Amino acid sequence: MDESRMIPPRPRDRLYAAATLVLAVLLLPAAFARHPGRARERAGHWALALRFPAEDLSGLTDGARAAFTAARTDALWRHGQLLGLTSGYRDPFVQQRMFEEEVRRSGSATTARMLVLPPAESSHVKGTALDVRPHEGARWLEEHGARYDLYRIYDNEWWHFEHRPECGGTPPRRRPHPGASEPEDPNPWRM
């Protein structure tokens, strides 16, 4: 991540992470009683749901949802990091409205595409894009996300990750912004 453009970690984020982990530990016995083989995952899910009550994972592809769930469970239990979802799947009409608002705000479709893509091009509409929070969680995901096929895609959006299982653990080349074309593969013959 380009740390020069990042907001420094906030002390309250560390406090929230610690409190969420303590809550997950307290919920372990109940989770074990209900889901013995998946107690840590369930306790973490319950604690994270209390920390991020407005999250909505519906509309994500099964793969994106499973990858995000596994990543956030690992982030919480192994590293004490919170990983929340600000935005996942978006209805095409919502994405179109966001694009049109950005066109009005910026004055041109070309400039708007640097921040918001039209529905036909948006990975949010496909259910494979995740806008995450807080900053520390995004840093964690950038470092560990390849294990889950979750990759940061744009230089100008520290929060935007996409589920790309076809990358097989190798991060795709990042683009400067959403409207930039896919970078060409420097080695098109690799398998």
C-alpha atoms as a PDB file:
ATOM      1  CA  MET A   1       0.000   0.000   0.000  1.00  0.00           C
ATOM      2  CA  ASP A   2       1.133   3.530  -0.602  1.00  0.00           C
ATOM      3  CA  GLU A   3       1.508   4.468   3.049  1.00  0.00           C
ATOM      4  CA  SER A   4       2.023   8.150   2.211  1.00  0.00           C
ATOM      5  CA  ARG A   5      -1.633   8.397   1.210  1.00  0.00           C
ATOM      6  CA  MET A   6      -2.980   6.380   4.118  1.00  0.00           C
ATOM      7  CA  ILE A   7      -4.658   7.785   7.169  1.00  0.00           C
ATOM      8  CA  PRO A   8      -2.623   6.770  10.218  1.00  0.00           C
ATOM      9  CA  PRO A   9      -4.100   4.097  12.485  1.00  0.00           C
ATOM     10  CA  ARG A  10      -6.559   5.481  15.003  1.00  0.00           C
ATOM     11  CA  PRO A  11      -6.251   4.410  18.645  1.00  0.00           C
ATOM     12  CA  ARG A  12      -9.978   3.664  18.764  1.00  0.00           C
ATOM     13  CA  ASP A  13      -9.565   1.076  15.970  1.00  0.00           C
ATOM     14  CA  ARG A  14      -7.117  -0.831  18.156  1.00  0.00           C
ATOM     15  CA  LEU A  15      -9.544  -0.588  21.067  1.00  0.00           C
ATOM     16  CA  TYR A  16     -12.435  -1.861  18.910  1.00  0.00           C
ATOM     17  CA  ALA A  17     -10.282  -4.735  17.655  1.00  0.00           C
ATOM     18  CA  ALA A  18      -9.301  -5.736  21.196  1.00  0.00           C
ATOM     19  CA  ALA A  19     -12.896  -5.505  22.444  1.00  0.00           C
ATOM     20  CA  THR A  20     -14.170  -7.556  19.494  1.00  0.00           C
ATOM     21  CA  LEU A  21     -11.560 -10.247  20.101  1.00  0.00           C
ATOM     22  CA  VAL A  22     -12.443 -10.397  23.818  1.00  0.00           C
ATOM     23  CA  LEU A  23     -16.117 -10.705  22.884  1.00  0.00           C
ATOM     24  CA  ALA A  24     -15.309 -13.504  20.432  1.00  0.00           C
ATOM     25  CA  VAL A  25     -13.422 -15.363  23.165  1.00  0.00           C
ATOM     26  CA  LEU A  26     -16.396 -14.963  25.514  1.00  0.00           C
ATOM     27  CA  LEU A  27     -18.713 -16.309  22.810  1.00  0.00           C
ATOM     28  CA  LEU A  28     -16.574 -19.411  22.163  1.00  0.00           C
ATOM     29  CA  PRO A  29     -18.416 -21.712  24.606  1.00  0.00           C
ATOM     30  CA  ALA A  30     -21.799 -20.929  23.034  1.00  0.00           C
ATOM     31  CA  ALA A  31     -20.345 -21.288  19.546  1.00  0.00           C
ATOM     32  CA  PHE A  32     -18.768 -24.615  20.477  1.00  0.00           C
ATOM     33  CA  ALA A  33     -22.113 -25.873  21.806  1.00  0.00           C
ATOM     34  CA  ARG A  34     -23.871 -24.977  18.537  1.00  0.00           C
ATOM     35  CA  HIS A  35     -21.091 -25.578  15.984  1.00  0.00           C
ATOM     36  CA  PRO A  36     -18.328 -27.729  17.540  1.00  0.00           C
ATOM     37  CA  GLY A  37     -16.228 -27.970  14.364  1.00  0.00           C
ATOM     38  CA  ARG A  38     -16.537 -24.302  13.528  1.00  0.00           C
ATOM     39  CA  ALA A  39     -16.645 -22.637  16.938  1.00  0.00           C
ATOM     40  CA  ARG A  40     -13.945 -20.037  16.280  1.00  0.00           C
ATOM     41  CA  GLU A  41     -15.505 -19.057  12.966  1.00  0.00           C
ATOM     42  CA  ARG A  42     -18.994 -18.734  14.507  1.00  0.00           C
ATOM     43  CA  ALA A  43     -17.820 -16.856  17.620  1.00  0.00           C
ATOM     44  CA  GLY A  44     -15.827 -14.505  15.407  1.00  0.00           C
ATOM     45  CA  HIS A  45     -18.836 -14.045  13.123  1.00  0.00           C
ATOM     46  CA  TRP A  46     -21.097 -13.171  16.060  1.00  0.00           C
ATOM     47  CA  ALA A  47     -18.585 -10.730  17.545  1.00  0.00           C
ATOM     48  CA  LEU A  48     -17.976  -9.076  14.170  1.00  0.00           C
ATOM     49  CA  ALA A  49     -21.723  -8.815  13.561  1.00  0.00           C
ATOM     50  CA  LEU A  50     -22.011  -6.866  16.818  1.00  0.00           C
ATOM     51  CA  ARG A  51     -19.080  -4.625  15.824  1.00  0.00           C
ATOM     52  CA  PHE A  52     -20.342  -4.050  12.258  1.00  0.00           C
ATOM     53  CA  PRO A  53     -24.152  -4.419  12.542  1.00  0.00           C
ATOM     54  CA  ALA A  54     -24.948  -2.737   9.207  1.00  0.00           C
ATOM     55  CA  GLU A  55     -22.853  -5.100   7.094  1.00  0.00           C
ATOM     56  CA  ASP A  56     -24.599  -6.879   4.270  1.00  0.00           C
ATOM     57  CA  LEU A  57     -22.868  -9.841   2.639  1.00  0.00           C
ATOM     58  CA  SER A  58     -25.911 -10.762   0.556  1.00  0.00           C
ATOM     59  CA  GLY A  59     -25.474 -10.535  -3.190  1.00  0.00           C
ATOM     60  CA  LEU A  60     -21.806 -11.483  -3.053  1.00  0.00           C
ATOM     61  CA  THR A  61     -20.913 -14.581  -5.024  1.00  0.00           C
ATOM     62  CA  ASP A  62     -20.554 -17.698  -2.884  1.00  0.00           C
ATOM     63  CA  GLY A  63     -16.796 -17.628  -3.479  1.00  0.00           C
ATOM     64  CA  ALA A  64     -16.402 -13.954  -2.522  1.00  0.00           C
ATOM     65  CA  ARG A  65     -18.500 -14.402   0.619  1.00  0.00           C
ATOM     66  CA  ALA A  66     -16.582 -17.518   1.684  1.00  0.00           C
ATOM     67  CA  ALA A  67     -13.210 -15.877   0.989  1.00  0.00           C
ATOM     68  CA  PHE A  68     -14.112 -12.743   2.942  1.00  0.00           C
ATOM     69  CA  THR A  69     -15.488 -14.769   5.861  1.00  0.00           C
ATOM     70  CA  ALA A  70     -12.343 -16.903   6.016  1.00  0.00           C
ATOM     71  CA  ALA A  71     -10.077 -13.847   5.754  1.00  0.00           C
ATOM     72  CA  ARG A  72     -11.833 -11.881   8.474  1.00  0.00           C
ATOM     73  CA  THR A  73     -11.900 -14.910  10.789  1.00  0.00           C
ATOM     74  CA  ASP A  74      -8.159 -15.381  10.318  1.00  0.00           C
ATOM     75  CA  ALA A  75      -7.505 -11.642  10.743  1.00  0.00           C
ATOM     76  CA  LEU A  76      -9.381 -11.567  14.057  1.00  0.00           C
ATOM     77  CA  TRP A  77      -8.122 -14.782  15.651  1.00  0.00           C
ATOM     78  CA  ARG A  78      -4.530 -14.872  14.432  1.00  0.00           C
ATOM     79  CA  HIS A  79      -3.666 -11.190  14.222  1.00  0.00           C
ATOM     80  CA  GLY A  80      -6.241  -9.333  16.327  1.00  0.00           C
ATOM     81  CA  GLN A  81      -7.279  -7.263  13.286  1.00  0.00           C
ATOM     82  CA  LEU A  82     -10.795  -6.186  12.412  1.00  0.00           C
ATOM     83  CA  LEU A  83     -11.958  -6.555   8.848  1.00  0.00           C
ATOM     84  CA  GLY A  84     -15.316  -5.012   8.124  1.00  0.00           C
ATOM     85  CA  LEU A  85     -17.327  -4.573   4.952  1.00  0.00           C
ATOM     86  CA  THR A  86     -18.448  -1.107   3.922  1.00  0.00           C
ATOM     87  CA  SER A  87     -19.896  -2.141   0.572  1.00  0.00           C
ATOM     88  CA  GLY A  88     -20.126  -5.393  -1.343  1.00  0.00           C
ATOM     89  CA  TYR A  89     -22.747  -6.230  -3.934  1.00  0.00           C
ATOM     90  CA  ARG A  90     -24.533  -3.288  -5.520  1.00  0.00           C
ATOM     91  CA  ASP A  91     -27.716  -3.390  -7.512  1.00  0.00           C
ATOM     92  CA  PRO A  92     -27.125  -2.130 -11.098  1.00  0.00           C
ATOM     93  CA  PHE A  93     -29.548   0.748 -10.531  1.00  0.00           C
ATOM     94  CA  VAL A  94     -27.660   1.863  -7.418  1.00  0.00           C
ATOM     95  CA  GLN A  95     -24.357   1.646  -9.292  1.00  0.00           C
ATOM     96  CA  GLN A  96     -25.824   3.665 -12.189  1.00  0.00           C
ATOM     97  CA  ARG A  97     -27.050   6.340  -9.785  1.00  0.00           C
ATOM     98  CA  MET A  98     -23.613   6.509  -8.142  1.00  0.00           C
ATOM     99  CA  PHE A  99     -21.969   6.862 -11.550  1.00  0.00           C
ATOM    100  CA  GLU A 100     -24.380   9.582 -12.666  1.00  0.00           C
ATOM    101  CA  GLU A 101     -23.859  11.496  -9.407  1.00  0.00           C
ATOM    102  CA  GLU A 102     -20.105  11.345  -9.897  1.00  0.00           C
ATOM    103  CA  VAL A 103     -20.486  12.562 -13.511  1.00  0.00           C
ATOM    104  CA  ARG A 104     -22.493  15.542 -12.239  1.00  0.00           C
ATOM    105  CA  ARG A 105     -20.009  16.228  -9.451  1.00  0.00           C
ATOM    106  CA  SER A 106     -16.865  15.920 -11.572  1.00  0.00           C
ATOM    107  CA  GLY A 107     -18.236  17.321 -14.808  1.00  0.00           C
ATOM    108  CA  SER A 108     -17.366  14.460 -17.137  1.00  0.00           C
ATOM    109  CA  ALA A 109     -17.846  10.722 -17.554  1.00  0.00           C
ATOM    110  CA  THR A 110     -14.102  10.269 -18.067  1.00  0.00           C
ATOM    111  CA  THR A 111     -13.268  11.896 -14.757  1.00  0.00           C
ATOM    112  CA  ALA A 112     -16.124  10.081 -13.005  1.00  0.00           C
ATOM    113  CA  ARG A 113     -14.745   6.717 -14.172  1.00  0.00           C
ATOM    114  CA  MET A 114     -11.633   7.368 -12.084  1.00  0.00           C
ATOM    115  CA  LEU A 115     -13.805   6.830  -8.983  1.00  0.00           C
ATOM    116  CA  VAL A 116     -16.986   4.999 -10.005  1.00  0.00           C
ATOM    117  CA  LEU A 117     -17.598   2.615 -12.882  1.00  0.00           C
ATOM    118  CA  PRO A 118     -20.889   2.210 -14.740  1.00  0.00           C
ATOM    119  CA  PRO A 119     -22.852  -0.945 -13.847  1.00  0.00           C
ATOM    120  CA  ALA A 120     -21.725  -3.009 -16.849  1.00  0.00           C
ATOM    121  CA  GLU A 121     -18.088  -2.676 -15.740  1.00  0.00           C
ATOM    122  CA  SER A 122     -18.435  -2.746 -11.953  1.00  0.00           C
ATOM    123  CA  SER A 123     -17.252  -5.741  -9.944  1.00  0.00           C
ATOM    124  CA  HIS A 124     -19.651  -4.623  -7.209  1.00  0.00           C
ATOM    125  CA  VAL A 125     -22.564  -5.419  -9.540  1.00  0.00           C
ATOM    126  CA  LYS A 126     -20.988  -8.818 -10.272  1.00  0.00           C
ATOM    127  CA  GLY A 127     -20.812  -9.533  -6.529  1.00  0.00           C
ATOM    128  CA  THR A 128     -17.036  -9.959  -6.447  1.00  0.00           C
ATOM    129  CA  ALA A 129     -15.916  -6.568  -5.051  1.00  0.00           C
ATOM    130  CA  LEU A 130     -15.495  -5.706  -1.386  1.00  0.00           C
ATOM    131  CA  ASP A 131     -14.926  -2.264   0.082  1.00  0.00           C
ATOM    132  CA  VAL A 132     -13.375  -2.924   3.482  1.00  0.00           C
ATOM    133  CA  ARG A 133     -12.601  -1.027   6.650  1.00  0.00           C
ATOM    134  CA  PRO A 134     -10.830   0.063   8.831  1.00  0.00           C
ATOM    135  CA  HIS A 135      -7.465   1.082   7.383  1.00  0.00           C
ATOM    136  CA  GLU A 136      -5.627  -1.481   9.497  1.00  0.00           C
ATOM    137  CA  GLY A 137      -7.938  -4.204   8.195  1.00  0.00           C
ATOM    138  CA  ALA A 138      -7.233  -3.142   4.611  1.00  0.00           C
ATOM    139  CA  ARG A 139      -3.506  -3.231   5.327  1.00  0.00           C
ATOM    140  CA  TRP A 140      -3.891  -6.724   6.730  1.00  0.00           C
ATOM    141  CA  LEU A 141      -5.927  -7.847   3.717  1.00  0.00           C
ATOM    142  CA  GLU A 142      -3.403  -6.430   1.275  1.00  0.00           C
ATOM    143  CA  GLU A 143      -0.669  -8.405   3.008  1.00  0.00           C
ATOM    144  CA  HIS A 144      -2.599 -11.669   3.486  1.00  0.00           C
ATOM    145  CA  GLY A 145      -5.434 -11.487   0.942  1.00  0.00           C
ATOM    146  CA  ALA A 146      -3.780 -13.654  -1.723  1.00  0.00           C
ATOM    147  CA  ARG A 147      -4.396 -16.690   0.538  1.00  0.00           C
ATOM    148  CA  TYR A 148      -8.099 -16.052  -0.001  1.00  0.00           C
ATOM    149  CA  ASP A 149      -7.894 -14.816  -3.622  1.00  0.00           C
ATOM    150  CA  LEU A 150      -8.746 -11.283  -2.428  1.00  0.00           C
ATOM    151  CA  TYR A 151      -6.654  -8.549  -4.036  1.00  0.00           C
ATOM    152  CA  ARG A 152      -6.404  -4.790  -3.936  1.00  0.00           C
ATOM    153  CA  ILE A 153      -7.060  -3.667  -7.503  1.00  0.00           C
ATOM    154  CA  TYR A 154      -6.647   0.136  -7.641  1.00  0.00           C
ATOM    155  CA  ASP A 155      -3.890   2.448  -6.435  1.00  0.00           C
ATOM    156  CA  ASN A 156      -6.354   5.209  -5.549  1.00  0.00           C
ATOM    157  CA  GLU A 157      -8.692   3.017  -3.455  1.00  0.00           C
ATOM    158  CA  TRP A 158      -7.044   1.462  -0.397  1.00  0.00           C
ATOM    159  CA  TRP A 159     -10.401  -0.052   0.577  1.00  0.00           C
ATOM    160  CA  HIS A 160     -11.347  -1.844  -2.673  1.00  0.00           C
ATOM    161  CA  PHE A 161     -10.566  -5.560  -3.014  1.00  0.00           C
ATOM    162  CA  GLU A 162     -11.850  -8.108  -5.472  1.00  0.00           C
ATOM    163  CA  HIS A 163     -12.251 -11.853  -5.301  1.00  0.00           C
ATOM    164  CA  ARG A 164     -10.190 -13.218  -8.186  1.00  0.00           C
ATOM    165  CA  PRO A 165      -9.695 -16.980  -7.841  1.00  0.00           C
ATOM    166  CA  GLU A 166      -8.323 -17.170 -11.388  1.00  0.00           C
ATOM    167  CA  CYS A 167      -5.170 -15.368 -10.148  1.00  0.00           C
ATOM    168  CA  GLY A 168      -4.167 -18.437  -8.133  1.00  0.00           C
ATOM    169  CA  GLY A 169      -2.432 -16.535  -5.331  1.00  0.00           C
ATOM    170  CA  THR A 170      -0.524 -14.149  -7.602  1.00  0.00           C
ATOM    171  CA  PRO A 171      -1.795 -10.575  -7.228  1.00  0.00           C
ATOM    172  CA  PRO A 172      -2.922  -9.014 -10.499  1.00  0.00           C
ATOM    173  CA  ARG A 173      -1.125  -5.866 -11.607  1.00  0.00           C
ATOM    174  CA  ARG A 174      -2.817  -2.925  -9.937  1.00  0.00           C
ATOM    175  CA  ARG A 175      -4.420  -0.194 -11.961  1.00  0.00           C
ATOM    176  CA  PRO A 176      -4.134   3.492 -11.041  1.00  0.00           C
ATOM    177  CA  HIS A 177      -7.936   3.899 -10.812  1.00  0.00           C
ATOM    178  CA  PRO A 178     -11.175   2.115 -11.767  1.00  0.00           C
ATOM    179  CA  GLY A 179     -11.403   3.639 -15.261  1.00  0.00           C
ATOM    180  CA  ALA A 180      -7.888   2.577 -16.269  1.00  0.00           C
ATOM    181  CA  SER A 181      -7.702  -0.366 -18.624  1.00  0.00           C
ATOM    182  CA  GLU A 182      -6.364  -3.713 -17.463  1.00  0.00           C
ATOM    183  CA  PRO A 183      -2.569  -3.662 -17.610  1.00  0.00           C
ATOM    184  CA  GLU A 184      -1.165  -5.989 -20.222  1.00  0.00           C
ATOM    185  CA  ASP A 185       0.474  -9.135 -18.963  1.00  0.00           C
ATOM    186  CA  PRO A 186       4.243  -8.730 -19.414  1.00  0.00           C
ATOM    187  CA  ASN A 187       4.524 -12.502 -19.921  1.00  0.00           C
ATOM    188  CA  PRO A 188       1.444 -13.658 -21.860  1.00  0.00           C
ATOM    189  CA  TRP A 189       2.883 -17.161 -22.321  1.00  0.00           C
ATOM    190  CA  ARG A 190       3.070 -18.089 -18.653  1.00  0.00           C
ATOM    191  CA  MET A 191       0.642 -20.644 -17.390  1.00  0.00           C
END
